[in-house]
N, C-alpha and C. Protein backbone atom coordinates (compact mmCIF):
# COMPACT_ATOMS: atom_id res chain seq x y z
N MET A 1 -53.86 17.26 -167.75
CA MET A 1 -53.18 16.19 -166.96
C MET A 1 -51.99 16.02 -167.40
N LYS A 2 -51.24 16.03 -166.57
CA LYS A 2 -49.35 16.01 -166.68
C LYS A 2 -49.22 13.88 -166.30
N ASN A 3 -48.60 13.44 -167.00
CA ASN A 3 -48.41 11.74 -166.89
C ASN A 3 -47.75 11.28 -165.98
N GLU A 4 -46.88 12.47 -165.77
CA GLU A 4 -45.68 12.11 -164.41
C GLU A 4 -45.28 12.97 -163.35
N ILE A 5 -44.96 12.57 -162.42
CA ILE A 5 -44.50 13.57 -161.40
C ILE A 5 -43.24 13.12 -160.94
N ILE A 6 -42.25 14.10 -160.70
CA ILE A 6 -40.70 13.75 -160.21
C ILE A 6 -40.71 14.22 -159.15
N PHE A 7 -40.02 13.17 -157.84
CA PHE A 7 -39.47 13.73 -156.63
C PHE A 7 -38.37 13.26 -156.85
N ILE A 8 -37.27 14.71 -156.00
CA ILE A 8 -36.10 14.58 -155.60
C ILE A 8 -35.74 13.62 -154.60
N VAL A 9 -35.46 12.98 -154.07
CA VAL A 9 -35.23 11.93 -152.88
C VAL A 9 -33.61 12.17 -152.26
N GLU A 10 -33.41 12.59 -151.01
CA GLU A 10 -32.00 12.75 -150.31
C GLU A 10 -32.01 12.22 -148.88
N ASP A 11 -30.91 11.98 -148.38
CA ASP A 11 -30.91 11.69 -147.15
C ASP A 11 -31.19 12.89 -146.11
N SER A 12 -31.73 12.49 -145.08
CA SER A 12 -32.08 13.64 -144.16
C SER A 12 -31.05 13.73 -143.10
N ILE A 13 -31.09 14.72 -142.75
CA ILE A 13 -29.96 15.33 -142.30
C ILE A 13 -30.32 14.45 -140.37
N ASP A 14 -31.46 14.46 -140.18
CA ASP A 14 -31.73 13.75 -139.32
C ASP A 14 -31.99 12.03 -138.94
N GLY A 15 -31.87 11.63 -140.33
CA GLY A 15 -31.79 10.07 -140.62
C GLY A 15 -32.92 9.84 -141.05
N GLY A 16 -32.95 8.96 -142.19
CA GLY A 16 -33.83 8.72 -143.09
C GLY A 16 -34.44 9.50 -144.37
N PHE A 17 -35.09 9.59 -145.07
CA PHE A 17 -35.17 10.56 -146.33
C PHE A 17 -36.14 11.40 -146.23
N GLU A 18 -36.01 12.42 -147.37
CA GLU A 18 -36.95 13.30 -147.42
C GLU A 18 -37.12 13.46 -149.37
N ALA A 19 -38.13 13.74 -149.46
CA ALA A 19 -38.95 13.55 -151.03
C ALA A 19 -39.54 15.14 -150.95
N ALA A 20 -39.21 15.63 -152.22
CA ALA A 20 -39.65 17.16 -152.35
C ALA A 20 -39.87 17.02 -154.58
N ALA A 21 -41.09 17.48 -154.36
CA ALA A 21 -41.36 16.99 -155.95
C ALA A 21 -41.05 18.27 -156.82
N VAL A 22 -40.38 18.04 -157.83
CA VAL A 22 -40.18 18.90 -159.22
C VAL A 22 -41.05 19.83 -159.57
N GLY A 23 -41.37 21.01 -159.48
CA GLY A 23 -42.49 21.75 -159.85
C GLY A 23 -43.84 21.80 -159.12
N TYR A 24 -43.67 20.90 -157.97
CA TYR A 24 -44.89 21.29 -157.09
C TYR A 24 -44.40 21.54 -155.63
N SER A 25 -45.49 22.03 -155.08
CA SER A 25 -45.13 22.33 -153.22
C SER A 25 -45.67 20.66 -152.85
N ILE A 26 -44.85 19.77 -152.94
CA ILE A 26 -45.23 18.50 -152.47
C ILE A 26 -43.82 18.03 -151.61
N PHE A 27 -44.00 17.69 -150.41
CA PHE A 27 -42.76 17.59 -149.32
C PHE A 27 -43.34 16.34 -148.78
N THR A 28 -42.64 15.19 -148.47
CA THR A 28 -42.68 14.31 -147.43
C THR A 28 -41.42 13.59 -146.91
N GLN A 29 -41.22 12.79 -146.15
CA GLN A 29 -40.24 12.22 -145.09
C GLN A 29 -40.47 11.09 -144.49
N ALA A 30 -39.74 10.52 -144.27
CA ALA A 30 -39.67 8.75 -143.88
C ALA A 30 -38.43 8.55 -143.11
N GLU A 31 -38.64 7.49 -142.35
CA GLU A 31 -37.46 6.36 -141.71
C GLU A 31 -37.18 5.62 -142.73
N ASN A 32 -37.32 5.02 -143.77
CA ASN A 32 -36.80 4.23 -144.53
C ASN A 32 -37.68 4.45 -145.99
N MET A 33 -36.96 3.77 -146.94
CA MET A 33 -37.56 3.67 -148.42
C MET A 33 -38.93 3.30 -148.44
N ASP A 34 -38.95 2.27 -147.96
CA ASP A 34 -40.47 1.57 -148.14
C ASP A 34 -41.57 2.48 -147.92
N GLU A 35 -41.44 3.07 -146.39
CA GLU A 35 -42.09 4.21 -145.85
C GLU A 35 -42.26 5.46 -146.76
N LEU A 36 -41.19 6.04 -147.07
CA LEU A 36 -40.72 6.93 -148.18
C LEU A 36 -42.15 6.88 -149.41
N LYS A 37 -41.91 5.69 -149.73
CA LYS A 37 -42.80 5.38 -151.13
C LYS A 37 -44.16 5.51 -151.05
N ARG A 38 -44.61 4.78 -149.50
CA ARG A 38 -45.99 5.11 -149.38
C ARG A 38 -46.46 6.54 -149.18
N ASN A 39 -45.35 7.29 -148.89
CA ASN A 39 -45.71 8.36 -148.34
C ASN A 39 -46.14 9.40 -149.63
N VAL A 40 -44.93 9.16 -150.47
CA VAL A 40 -45.11 9.83 -151.74
C VAL A 40 -46.45 9.72 -152.35
N VAL A 41 -46.88 8.39 -152.56
CA VAL A 41 -48.11 8.39 -153.06
C VAL A 41 -49.15 8.81 -152.50
N GLU A 42 -49.44 8.74 -151.48
CA GLU A 42 -50.27 9.37 -150.53
C GLU A 42 -50.49 11.13 -150.69
N ALA A 43 -49.28 11.87 -150.42
CA ALA A 43 -49.12 13.07 -150.85
C ALA A 43 -49.75 13.67 -152.15
N VAL A 44 -49.22 12.26 -153.21
CA VAL A 44 -49.47 12.92 -154.77
C VAL A 44 -51.11 12.74 -154.43
N ASN A 45 -51.57 11.73 -154.03
CA ASN A 45 -53.00 11.55 -153.82
C ASN A 45 -54.04 12.44 -153.21
N CYS A 46 -53.29 13.27 -152.17
CA CYS A 46 -53.94 14.46 -151.71
C CYS A 46 -53.75 15.72 -151.98
N HIS A 47 -52.42 16.00 -153.01
CA HIS A 47 -52.05 17.16 -153.78
C HIS A 47 -53.42 17.09 -155.03
N PHE A 48 -53.40 16.02 -155.85
CA PHE A 48 -53.95 16.24 -156.86
C PHE A 48 -55.65 15.95 -157.07
N GLU A 49 -56.64 16.34 -157.52
CA GLU A 49 -57.92 15.68 -157.96
C GLU A 49 -57.76 14.21 -158.64
N GLU A 50 -58.73 13.42 -158.46
CA GLU A 50 -58.51 12.11 -158.98
C GLU A 50 -58.27 12.34 -160.47
N ASN A 51 -59.20 12.92 -161.53
CA ASN A 51 -58.64 13.15 -162.86
C ASN A 51 -57.54 13.85 -163.14
N GLU A 52 -56.84 14.51 -162.39
CA GLU A 52 -55.38 15.55 -162.46
C GLU A 52 -54.48 14.42 -162.12
N LYS A 53 -54.58 13.78 -161.45
CA LYS A 53 -53.26 13.00 -160.93
C LYS A 53 -52.56 12.21 -161.61
N PRO A 54 -51.10 12.38 -161.58
CA PRO A 54 -50.41 11.77 -162.12
C PRO A 54 -50.43 10.52 -162.40
N SER A 55 -50.19 9.49 -163.26
CA SER A 55 -50.20 8.03 -163.76
C SER A 55 -48.97 7.37 -163.23
N ILE A 56 -47.64 8.03 -163.26
CA ILE A 56 -46.46 7.92 -162.81
C ILE A 56 -45.61 8.30 -162.29
N ILE A 57 -45.18 7.99 -160.78
CA ILE A 57 -44.34 8.71 -159.87
C ILE A 57 -42.93 8.35 -160.18
N ARG A 58 -41.68 9.24 -160.38
CA ARG A 58 -40.61 8.73 -160.52
C ARG A 58 -39.85 9.48 -159.09
N LEU A 59 -39.12 8.60 -158.71
CA LEU A 59 -37.90 9.24 -157.34
C LEU A 59 -36.75 9.05 -158.04
N HIS A 60 -35.83 10.14 -157.87
CA HIS A 60 -34.88 10.43 -158.19
C HIS A 60 -33.87 10.67 -156.92
N TYR A 61 -33.23 9.52 -156.41
CA TYR A 61 -32.61 9.56 -155.62
C TYR A 61 -31.14 10.07 -155.33
N ILE A 62 -30.86 11.23 -154.78
CA ILE A 62 -29.53 11.87 -155.12
C ILE A 62 -28.67 11.49 -153.57
N LYS A 63 -27.35 10.86 -153.55
CA LYS A 63 -26.63 10.31 -152.59
C LYS A 63 -25.37 11.38 -152.63
N GLU A 64 -25.03 12.52 -151.93
CA GLU A 64 -23.81 13.27 -151.89
C GLU A 64 -23.06 12.46 -150.97
N GLU A 65 -21.81 12.25 -151.78
CA GLU A 65 -20.68 11.80 -150.39
C GLU A 65 -18.96 12.40 -150.83
N THR A 66 -18.68 12.61 -149.74
CA THR A 66 -17.74 13.45 -149.73
C THR A 66 -16.39 12.26 -149.28
N ILE A 67 -15.28 12.15 -150.37
CA ILE A 67 -14.30 11.64 -149.82
C ILE A 67 -12.90 12.37 -150.06
N ALA A 68 -11.80 11.71 -149.36
CA ALA A 68 -10.58 12.63 -149.09
C ALA A 68 -9.92 12.24 -150.50
N ALA A 69 -9.02 13.34 -151.06
CA ALA A 69 -8.34 13.09 -152.40
C ALA A 69 -7.29 12.64 -151.96
């Protein structure tokens, strides 16, 4: 059993957020961060058996911004 799972969270082109697990085929999206957190927990619960489920979910939010030099 792995103790934690990490998701990379980015702004969606269509608005809202997208999250992808590192090392697993788990993806989800949502309109706001609270909804995304609920969706991530639900996706993890669906992906893993109860005795294999990580106890910690980390969200790494990446926000890319371009500015003029």
